[in-house]
Amino acid sequence: MQTEIKNKITQVNSFIDEAFNPAYVSTFQLIIQISIDNILVAVNERGGNKYIAFENYTFQNVYNFDGVADLLDTLSKESKLIKHKYKSAVCIIVNNLSTLVPNALFDEDRVKMYLKFNAELQGDEMVLVDNLKSMDSKNVFALPLSIKSKLDYLFSNIKYHHASSALIDTLVLQNKNQTGKKLFLHVQPSHFEAVTIDGKQLLFYNTFNYHSAEDFVYYLLFVCEQLQLNPETIDVILLGEIERNSTIYTLTQKYIRKLKFGERNDGAQYSYQLQTLPTHYYFTLFNNYYI
């Protein structure tokens, strides 16, 4: 069984700076981002807000978070980063089980009810809340209990957040002094998030699953139509794991005139190895949201 699990895991990247000394991990912060497509791991040297290590693992034939939780046992032994005890640890969960609630309407006793309006819960999730820093709202989200139980065992001081909280908060704060509507597309292996911002106002957020470049463009144009955004004039900024020579980028270029790549939060520093990564990659992992 152990061999079967190992065969499902592929390490895509591993960048570990000389500054990563296991003797000093008690002063570092671990950030682990979990989806059903991959697990991303980063280590931040908090004194200088510098990222000094990164690992990226992808999965084969894993279709739910229970399957991902099974892989965590193996990964905690194989990873050069996860097995240590850190000063603090953060888990970023990536799923479509989240919803925004204005503070004026928020009631702590009704968090599960809020989430059920927009998501179908399986019954084996814990409902948690992120307080958005950029707006007067909460982000209510579901955390699979299978993931929580594994990580609580590995890290006694771990905190949980939803990936959309970092995405929305970072984009709104980055653009608060600008004017004009912008459409941000945060691209992941099997889904993308669309975020529309006008200055410091969040106008739209949603997640779309896709299986092909044609799916991607269809949902993109659907968003433009629903929000009355002109594909000829709207600024569309790409974030996440998308390459310039990809089929998605090539096809999107045919429909969107003002298309460009964004950048991660520039408040952090990166070791020389991590500086080789494209600056629009791993947007929800590499920023100051959790520091």
Foldseek 3Di string as FASTA:
>chain_A
DVVVLVVFKDKDDKFAAPVDDLVPQQQKEWEWEDDQFWIKIWIANPVQQEIGIIIIMGGDPGDDVLSVLVSVVVCCVVDPPLVGAHNEYEYAYEDQQKDKDALVPDDPVCLVVRSVVPDDDPPQWDWDWDCAPLHRIIMIGTHGVSNVVSVCVSYVHYYYDYLVSLVLNVVLVVQQPDADKAWEWADDPFKIWIWIDGRNDTDDIHMDGDDDLVSVLVVVVVVCVVVVNQLADHAYEYAAPDDCPDPNNVVSVVRHPRYYYDFAAPPHHYDPVVVVDPRRHPRSRDDDPVD
